[in-house]
């Protein structure tokens, strides 16, 4: 078995991480955890309809990519996901399917999922907080 010198391992790891010696910003571990939670919830609850790509199925399930509902005000999106309330921007009858209600979802889980939707599939919208979700579903 060949042993690699410690300096070589350090150099390789520094190169892989971008030679950064900075400490990660506060909350980055929490953000990574939220991102994984959002991805996990998506895979477990959304992927069957919206597909791994987020593009849905044409004429059956809507795409999440570049969706005005996903990228817009997160309050109507939160109410749609949790309560099944169709957002004003989504005309009735456009898709033959009905969005299931995920009322079991707590605000932090919903915030993680919505943030995941808004930052994946080519989307680039600000994250959603648990407080914003809680306020939206209490309205």
N, C-alpha and C. Protein backbone atom coordinates (compact mmCIF):
# COMPACT_ATOMS: atom_id res chain seq x y z
N UNK A 1 0.85 -1.17 0.00
CA UNK A 1 0.00 0.00 0.00
C UNK A 1 0.89 1.23 0.00
N UNK A 2 0.58 2.20 -0.87
CA UNK A 2 1.36 3.43 -0.94
C UNK A 2 0.75 4.48 -0.04
N UNK A 3 1.58 5.17 0.67
CA UNK A 3 1.11 6.26 1.54
C UNK A 3 1.45 7.57 0.84
N UNK A 4 0.53 8.45 0.84
CA UNK A 4 0.74 9.77 0.25
C UNK A 4 1.21 10.73 1.34
N UNK A 5 2.16 11.61 1.01
CA UNK A 5 2.59 12.60 2.00
C UNK A 5 1.44 13.52 2.37
N UNK A 6 1.40 13.92 3.62
CA UNK A 6 0.33 14.79 4.12
C UNK A 6 0.25 16.10 3.34
N UNK A 7 1.43 16.66 2.94
CA UNK A 7 1.40 17.92 2.20
C UNK A 7 0.70 17.76 0.85
N UNK A 8 0.81 16.58 0.23
CA UNK A 8 0.17 16.34 -1.06
C UNK A 8 -1.35 16.27 -0.89
N UNK A 9 -1.77 15.59 0.13
CA UNK A 9 -3.21 15.49 0.40
C UNK A 9 -3.77 16.87 0.68
N UNK A 10 -3.08 17.66 1.49
CA UNK A 10 -3.53 19.02 1.81
C UNK A 10 -3.60 19.86 0.54
N UNK A 11 -2.61 19.75 -0.32
CA UNK A 11 -2.60 20.53 -1.56
C UNK A 11 -3.76 20.15 -2.47
N UNK A 12 -4.02 18.86 -2.59
CA UNK A 12 -5.11 18.40 -3.43
C UNK A 12 -6.45 18.89 -2.88
N UNK A 13 -6.63 18.75 -1.58
CA UNK A 13 -7.88 19.20 -0.98
C UNK A 13 -8.05 20.70 -1.12
N UNK A 14 -7.00 21.45 -0.98
CA UNK A 14 -7.07 22.90 -1.14
C UNK A 14 -7.48 23.24 -2.57
N UNK A 15 -6.96 22.51 -3.53
CA UNK A 15 -7.33 22.74 -4.92
C UNK A 15 -8.78 22.41 -5.19
N UNK A 16 -9.26 21.33 -4.60
CA UNK A 16 -10.64 20.92 -4.79
C UNK A 16 -11.59 21.93 -4.16
N UNK A 17 -11.21 22.50 -3.06
CA UNK A 17 -12.10 23.44 -2.38
C UNK A 17 -11.86 24.87 -2.81
N UNK A 18 -11.11 25.08 -3.86
CA UNK A 18 -10.92 26.42 -4.38
C UNK A 18 -9.86 27.19 -3.64
N UNK A 19 -8.96 26.51 -2.97
CA UNK A 19 -7.86 27.14 -2.23
C UNK A 19 -8.37 28.15 -1.21
N UNK A 20 -9.53 27.94 -0.72
CA UNK A 20 -10.11 28.88 0.22
C UNK A 20 -9.67 28.57 1.63
N UNK A 21 -9.18 29.59 2.30
CA UNK A 21 -8.83 29.43 3.70
C UNK A 21 -9.84 30.16 4.57
N UNK A 22 -10.90 30.67 3.94
CA UNK A 22 -11.90 31.40 4.70
C UNK A 22 -12.82 30.44 5.42
N UNK A 23 -13.31 30.90 6.55
CA UNK A 23 -14.30 30.14 7.29
C UNK A 23 -15.64 30.29 6.59
N UNK A 24 -16.40 29.23 6.45
CA UNK A 24 -17.70 29.35 5.81
C UNK A 24 -18.57 30.35 6.57
N UNK A 25 -19.45 31.06 5.86
CA UNK A 25 -20.30 32.03 6.53
C UNK A 25 -21.19 31.36 7.57
N UNK A 26 -21.52 32.11 8.59
CA UNK A 26 -22.41 31.59 9.63
C UNK A 26 -23.71 31.15 8.99
N UNK A 27 -24.20 30.02 9.40
CA UNK A 27 -25.46 29.50 8.88
C UNK A 27 -25.31 28.66 7.64
N UNK A 28 -24.10 28.55 7.09
CA UNK A 28 -23.96 27.77 5.86
C UNK A 28 -24.26 26.30 6.10
N UNK A 29 -23.93 25.79 7.27
CA UNK A 29 -24.27 24.40 7.58
C UNK A 29 -25.78 24.23 7.64
N UNK A 30 -26.45 25.23 8.22
CA UNK A 30 -27.91 25.18 8.29
C UNK A 30 -28.50 25.29 6.88
N UNK A 31 -27.91 26.15 6.04
CA UNK A 31 -28.40 26.29 4.67
C UNK A 31 -28.23 24.99 3.91
N UNK A 32 -27.08 24.34 4.09
CA UNK A 32 -26.84 23.05 3.43
C UNK A 32 -27.84 22.02 3.92
N UNK A 33 -28.12 22.03 5.21
CA UNK A 33 -29.08 21.10 5.78
C UNK A 33 -30.48 21.35 5.23
N UNK A 34 -30.86 22.64 5.12
CA UNK A 34 -32.16 23.00 4.56
C UNK A 34 -32.25 22.58 3.09
N UNK A 35 -31.15 22.79 2.35
CA UNK A 35 -31.14 22.41 0.94
C UNK A 35 -31.34 20.91 0.79
N UNK A 36 -30.67 20.13 1.63
CA UNK A 36 -30.83 18.68 1.57
C UNK A 36 -32.24 18.28 1.99
N UNK A 37 -32.79 18.96 2.99
CA UNK A 37 -34.17 18.67 3.41
C UNK A 37 -35.13 18.97 2.28
N UNK A 38 -34.94 20.10 1.61
CA UNK A 38 -35.81 20.45 0.48
C UNK A 38 -35.71 19.43 -0.64
N UNK A 39 -34.50 19.00 -0.95
CA UNK A 39 -34.29 17.99 -1.99
C UNK A 39 -34.94 16.66 -1.59
N UNK A 40 -34.79 16.29 -0.32
CA UNK A 40 -35.36 15.03 0.17
C UNK A 40 -36.89 15.06 0.08
N UNK A 41 -37.48 16.18 0.48
CA UNK A 41 -38.95 16.30 0.42
C UNK A 41 -39.41 16.25 -1.04
N UNK A 42 -38.68 16.94 -1.90
CA UNK A 42 -39.03 16.92 -3.33
C UNK A 42 -38.99 15.49 -3.87
N UNK A 43 -37.91 14.79 -3.58
CA UNK A 43 -37.79 13.40 -4.08
C UNK A 43 -38.90 12.51 -3.52
N UNK A 44 -39.30 12.75 -2.29
CA UNK A 44 -40.30 11.89 -1.66
C UNK A 44 -41.74 12.25 -1.97
N UNK A 45 -42.00 13.52 -2.30
CA UNK A 45 -43.39 13.95 -2.43
C UNK A 45 -43.76 14.58 -3.77
N UNK A 46 -42.79 15.03 -4.53
CA UNK A 46 -43.09 15.83 -5.72
C UNK A 46 -42.60 15.22 -7.03
N UNK A 47 -41.55 14.41 -6.95
CA UNK A 47 -40.87 13.94 -8.15
C UNK A 47 -41.76 13.08 -9.05
N UNK A 48 -42.69 12.37 -8.49
CA UNK A 48 -43.55 11.49 -9.31
C UNK A 48 -44.33 12.30 -10.34
N UNK A 49 -44.76 13.48 -9.98
CA UNK A 49 -45.52 14.32 -10.91
C UNK A 49 -44.61 15.30 -11.66
N UNK A 50 -43.80 16.02 -10.92
CA UNK A 50 -42.99 17.08 -11.53
C UNK A 50 -41.68 16.58 -12.12
N UNK A 51 -41.37 15.29 -11.91
CA UNK A 51 -40.22 14.62 -12.51
C UNK A 51 -38.89 15.09 -11.90
N UNK A 52 -37.85 14.27 -12.01
CA UNK A 52 -36.54 14.66 -11.46
C UNK A 52 -36.02 15.97 -12.05
N UNK A 53 -36.39 16.25 -13.28
CA UNK A 53 -35.93 17.48 -13.95
C UNK A 53 -36.71 18.71 -13.52
N UNK A 54 -37.85 18.52 -12.85
CA UNK A 54 -38.72 19.64 -12.50
C UNK A 54 -39.57 20.11 -13.66
N UNK A 55 -39.48 19.45 -14.81
CA UNK A 55 -40.19 19.89 -16.01
C UNK A 55 -41.62 19.36 -16.11
N UNK A 56 -42.02 18.52 -15.14
CA UNK A 56 -43.37 17.97 -15.16
C UNK A 56 -43.59 17.09 -16.38
N UNK A 57 -44.86 16.92 -16.73
CA UNK A 57 -45.24 16.18 -17.94
C UNK A 57 -46.18 17.08 -18.73
N UNK A 58 -45.78 17.42 -19.94
CA UNK A 58 -46.54 18.36 -20.76
C UNK A 58 -48.02 18.02 -20.80
N UNK A 59 -48.84 18.99 -20.48
CA UNK A 59 -50.28 18.83 -20.52
C UNK A 59 -50.87 18.07 -19.35
N UNK A 60 -50.02 17.54 -18.47
CA UNK A 60 -50.53 16.76 -17.34
C UNK A 60 -50.10 17.39 -16.01
N UNK A 61 -48.81 17.56 -15.82
CA UNK A 61 -48.27 18.15 -14.59
C UNK A 61 -47.40 19.35 -14.98
N UNK A 62 -47.59 20.48 -14.32
CA UNK A 62 -46.86 21.68 -14.72
C UNK A 62 -45.36 21.61 -14.42
N UNK A 63 -44.63 22.33 -15.24
CA UNK A 63 -43.20 22.48 -15.03
C UNK A 63 -42.96 23.45 -13.88
N UNK A 64 -41.93 23.18 -13.12
CA UNK A 64 -41.52 24.09 -12.04
C UNK A 64 -40.45 25.04 -12.53
N UNK A 65 -39.84 24.74 -13.66
CA UNK A 65 -38.78 25.57 -14.23
C UNK A 65 -39.39 26.83 -14.84
N UNK A 66 -38.86 27.97 -14.43
CA UNK A 66 -39.31 29.28 -14.92
C UNK A 66 -40.80 29.52 -14.68
N UNK A 67 -41.37 28.83 -13.71
CA UNK A 67 -42.79 28.98 -13.40
C UNK A 67 -43.03 30.30 -12.66
N UNK A 68 -43.94 31.12 -13.15
CA UNK A 68 -44.24 32.37 -12.44
C UNK A 68 -44.75 32.11 -11.02
N UNK A 69 -45.44 31.00 -10.83
CA UNK A 69 -45.95 30.68 -9.49
C UNK A 69 -44.79 30.35 -8.55
N UNK A 70 -43.83 29.57 -9.02
CA UNK A 70 -42.68 29.20 -8.19
C UNK A 70 -41.78 30.41 -7.94
N UNK A 71 -41.59 31.24 -8.95
CA UNK A 71 -40.66 32.36 -8.84
C UNK A 71 -41.28 33.61 -8.24
N UNK A 72 -42.60 33.66 -8.17
CA UNK A 72 -43.28 34.85 -7.66
C UNK A 72 -43.36 34.90 -6.14
N UNK A 73 -44.37 35.57 -5.65
CA UNK A 73 -44.60 35.70 -4.22
C UNK A 73 -44.72 34.30 -3.61
N UNK A 74 -43.91 33.99 -2.60
CA UNK A 74 -43.95 32.64 -2.04
C UNK A 74 -45.22 32.33 -1.23
N UNK A 75 -45.97 33.34 -0.81
CA UNK A 75 -47.17 33.08 0.00
C UNK A 75 -48.20 32.25 -0.75
N UNK A 76 -48.59 32.63 -1.99
CA UNK A 76 -49.56 31.77 -2.71
C UNK A 76 -49.01 30.37 -2.99
N UNK A 77 -47.72 30.27 -3.25
CA UNK A 77 -47.11 28.96 -3.47
C UNK A 77 -47.21 28.11 -2.21
N UNK A 78 -46.94 28.71 -1.05
CA UNK A 78 -47.04 27.98 0.22
C UNK A 78 -48.47 27.51 0.46
N UNK A 79 -49.43 28.38 0.19
CA UNK A 79 -50.84 27.98 0.39
C UNK A 79 -51.26 26.88 -0.58
N UNK A 80 -50.70 26.89 -1.78
CA UNK A 80 -51.04 25.85 -2.76
C UNK A 80 -50.47 24.52 -2.32
N UNK A 81 -49.22 24.52 -1.90
CA UNK A 81 -48.57 23.27 -1.50
C UNK A 81 -49.21 22.70 -0.23
N UNK A 82 -49.45 23.55 0.75
CA UNK A 82 -49.92 23.06 2.05
C UNK A 82 -51.43 22.91 2.12
N UNK A 83 -52.15 23.88 1.56
CA UNK A 83 -53.62 23.86 1.68
C UNK A 83 -54.34 23.46 0.40
N UNK A 84 -53.63 23.40 -0.70
CA UNK A 84 -54.27 23.08 -1.97
C UNK A 84 -55.00 24.26 -2.59
N UNK A 85 -54.75 25.49 -2.12
CA UNK A 85 -55.39 26.68 -2.68
C UNK A 85 -54.66 27.10 -3.96
N UNK A 86 -55.35 27.05 -5.06
CA UNK A 86 -54.76 27.40 -6.35
C UNK A 86 -54.35 28.87 -6.35
N UNK A 87 -53.10 29.16 -6.76
CA UNK A 87 -52.66 30.55 -6.83
C UNK A 87 -53.42 31.31 -7.91
N UNK A 88 -53.60 32.60 -7.71
CA UNK A 88 -54.30 33.40 -8.72
C UNK A 88 -53.65 33.31 -10.11
N UNK A 89 -52.34 33.12 -10.17
CA UNK A 89 -51.63 33.06 -11.44
C UNK A 89 -51.76 31.74 -12.17
N UNK A 90 -52.41 30.75 -11.58
CA UNK A 90 -52.55 29.44 -12.21
C UNK A 90 -54.03 29.25 -12.58
N UNK A 91 -54.36 29.44 -13.85
CA UNK A 91 -55.76 29.31 -14.25
C UNK A 91 -56.29 27.90 -14.05
N UNK A 92 -57.51 27.81 -13.58
CA UNK A 92 -58.15 26.50 -13.40
C UNK A 92 -58.36 25.84 -14.75
N UNK A 93 -58.24 24.53 -14.78
CA UNK A 93 -58.50 23.77 -15.99
C UNK A 93 -57.32 23.68 -16.94
N UNK A 94 -56.21 24.31 -16.62
CA UNK A 94 -55.05 24.25 -17.52
C UNK A 94 -54.44 22.86 -17.51
N UNK A 95 -54.50 22.19 -16.37
CA UNK A 95 -53.98 20.83 -16.24
C UNK A 95 -55.10 19.95 -15.71
N UNK A 96 -55.22 18.72 -16.20
CA UNK A 96 -56.31 17.85 -15.77
C UNK A 96 -56.11 17.25 -14.38
N UNK A 97 -54.96 17.49 -13.78
CA UNK A 97 -54.65 16.91 -12.48
C UNK A 97 -54.85 17.96 -11.38
N UNK A 98 -54.93 17.47 -10.15
CA UNK A 98 -55.11 18.35 -9.00
C UNK A 98 -53.88 18.24 -8.12
N UNK A 99 -53.39 19.38 -7.66
CA UNK A 99 -52.25 19.40 -6.75
C UNK A 99 -52.70 18.84 -5.41
N UNK A 100 -52.05 17.77 -4.93
CA UNK A 100 -52.43 17.25 -3.61
C UNK A 100 -52.04 18.24 -2.52
N UNK A 101 -52.73 18.16 -1.42
CA UNK A 101 -52.42 19.00 -0.26
C UNK A 101 -51.38 18.30 0.59
N UNK A 102 -50.40 19.07 1.04
CA UNK A 102 -49.38 18.52 1.92
C UNK A 102 -49.51 19.17 3.29
N UNK A 103 -50.71 19.10 3.85
CA UNK A 103 -51.01 19.71 5.14
C UNK A 103 -50.18 19.17 6.29
N UNK A 104 -49.59 18.02 6.12
CA UNK A 104 -48.72 17.44 7.16
C UNK A 104 -47.42 18.21 7.30
N UNK A 105 -47.09 19.01 6.29
CA UNK A 105 -45.80 19.69 6.26
C UNK A 105 -45.76 20.85 7.25
N UNK A 106 -44.77 20.85 8.10
CA UNK A 106 -44.54 21.96 9.03
C UNK A 106 -43.87 23.10 8.27
N UNK A 107 -43.97 24.31 8.80
CA UNK A 107 -43.44 25.50 8.13
C UNK A 107 -41.96 25.37 7.76
N UNK A 108 -41.08 24.84 8.64
CA UNK A 108 -39.67 24.72 8.24
C UNK A 108 -39.47 23.75 7.07
N UNK A 109 -40.25 22.67 7.03
CA UNK A 109 -40.16 21.72 5.92
C UNK A 109 -40.65 22.37 4.62
N UNK A 110 -41.77 23.07 4.71
CA UNK A 110 -42.31 23.74 3.53
C UNK A 110 -41.34 24.81 3.04
N UNK A 111 -40.73 25.55 3.95
CA UNK A 111 -39.75 26.58 3.56
C UNK A 111 -38.57 25.94 2.85
N UNK A 112 -38.10 24.81 3.35
CA UNK A 112 -36.98 24.11 2.71
C UNK A 112 -37.38 23.65 1.32
N UNK A 113 -38.58 23.09 1.17
CA UNK A 113 -39.04 22.63 -0.13
C UNK A 113 -39.19 23.80 -1.10
N UNK A 114 -39.86 24.86 -0.67
CA UNK A 114 -40.09 26.00 -1.57
C UNK A 114 -38.77 26.64 -1.97
N UNK A 115 -37.85 26.73 -1.03
CA UNK A 115 -36.52 27.27 -1.36
C UNK A 115 -35.84 26.38 -2.38
N UNK A 116 -35.98 25.07 -2.22
CA UNK A 116 -35.40 24.13 -3.19
C UNK A 116 -36.01 24.36 -4.58
N UNK A 117 -37.32 24.49 -4.65
CA UNK A 117 -37.99 24.71 -5.94
C UNK A 117 -37.52 26.01 -6.58
N UNK A 118 -37.35 27.04 -5.75
CA UNK A 118 -36.99 28.37 -6.25
C UNK A 118 -35.51 28.50 -6.61
N UNK A 119 -34.70 27.50 -6.24
CA UNK A 119 -33.26 27.59 -6.52
C UNK A 119 -32.74 26.42 -7.34
N UNK A 120 -33.63 25.63 -7.91
CA UNK A 120 -33.24 24.51 -8.76
C UNK A 120 -34.04 24.56 -10.06
N UNK A 121 -33.73 23.67 -10.97
CA UNK A 121 -34.42 23.57 -12.25
C UNK A 121 -34.21 24.83 -13.10
N UNK A 122 -33.10 25.51 -12.89
CA UNK A 122 -32.81 26.75 -13.61
C UNK A 122 -33.41 27.97 -12.95
N UNK A 123 -34.10 27.79 -11.84
CA UNK A 123 -34.72 28.91 -11.13
C UNK A 123 -33.69 29.61 -10.25
N UNK A 124 -33.88 30.89 -10.03
CA UNK A 124 -32.99 31.66 -9.17
C UNK A 124 -33.80 32.72 -8.45
N UNK A 125 -34.56 32.29 -7.44
CA UNK A 125 -35.37 33.20 -6.64
C UNK A 125 -34.88 33.14 -5.20
N UNK A 126 -35.14 34.18 -4.43
CA UNK A 126 -34.69 34.20 -3.03
C UNK A 126 -35.29 33.04 -2.21
N UNK A 127 -34.58 32.67 -1.14
CA UNK A 127 -35.09 31.59 -0.28
C UNK A 127 -36.38 32.02 0.43
N UNK A 128 -37.07 31.03 0.94
CA UNK A 128 -38.31 31.25 1.68
C UNK A 128 -38.05 30.87 3.13
N UNK A 129 -38.49 31.71 4.06
CA UNK A 129 -38.29 31.42 5.48
C UNK A 129 -39.48 30.68 6.05
N UNK A 130 -39.24 29.97 7.13
CA UNK A 130 -40.32 29.28 7.83
C UNK A 130 -41.34 30.29 8.35
N UNK A 131 -40.87 31.46 8.79
CA UNK A 131 -41.79 32.50 9.27
C UNK A 131 -42.72 32.97 8.16
N UNK A 132 -42.20 33.12 6.93
CA UNK A 132 -43.02 33.55 5.82
C UNK A 132 -44.07 32.49 5.47
N UNK A 133 -43.68 31.22 5.55
CA UNK A 133 -44.63 30.13 5.28
C UNK A 133 -45.71 30.12 6.36
N UNK A 134 -45.31 30.22 7.62
CA UNK A 134 -46.29 30.21 8.72
C UNK A 134 -47.28 31.35 8.57
N UNK A 135 -46.79 32.52 8.22
CA UNK A 135 -47.68 33.68 8.02
C UNK A 135 -48.63 33.44 6.85
N UNK A 136 -48.11 32.87 5.77
CA UNK A 136 -48.93 32.63 4.59
C UNK A 136 -50.06 31.63 4.86
N UNK A 137 -49.77 30.59 5.60
CA UNK A 137 -50.79 29.57 5.82
C UNK A 137 -51.76 29.95 6.93
N UNK A 138 -51.39 30.97 7.72
CA UNK A 138 -52.30 31.46 8.76
C UNK A 138 -53.23 32.55 8.26
N UNK A 139 -53.01 33.03 7.04
CA UNK A 139 -53.85 34.10 6.50
C UNK A 139 -55.21 33.59 6.14
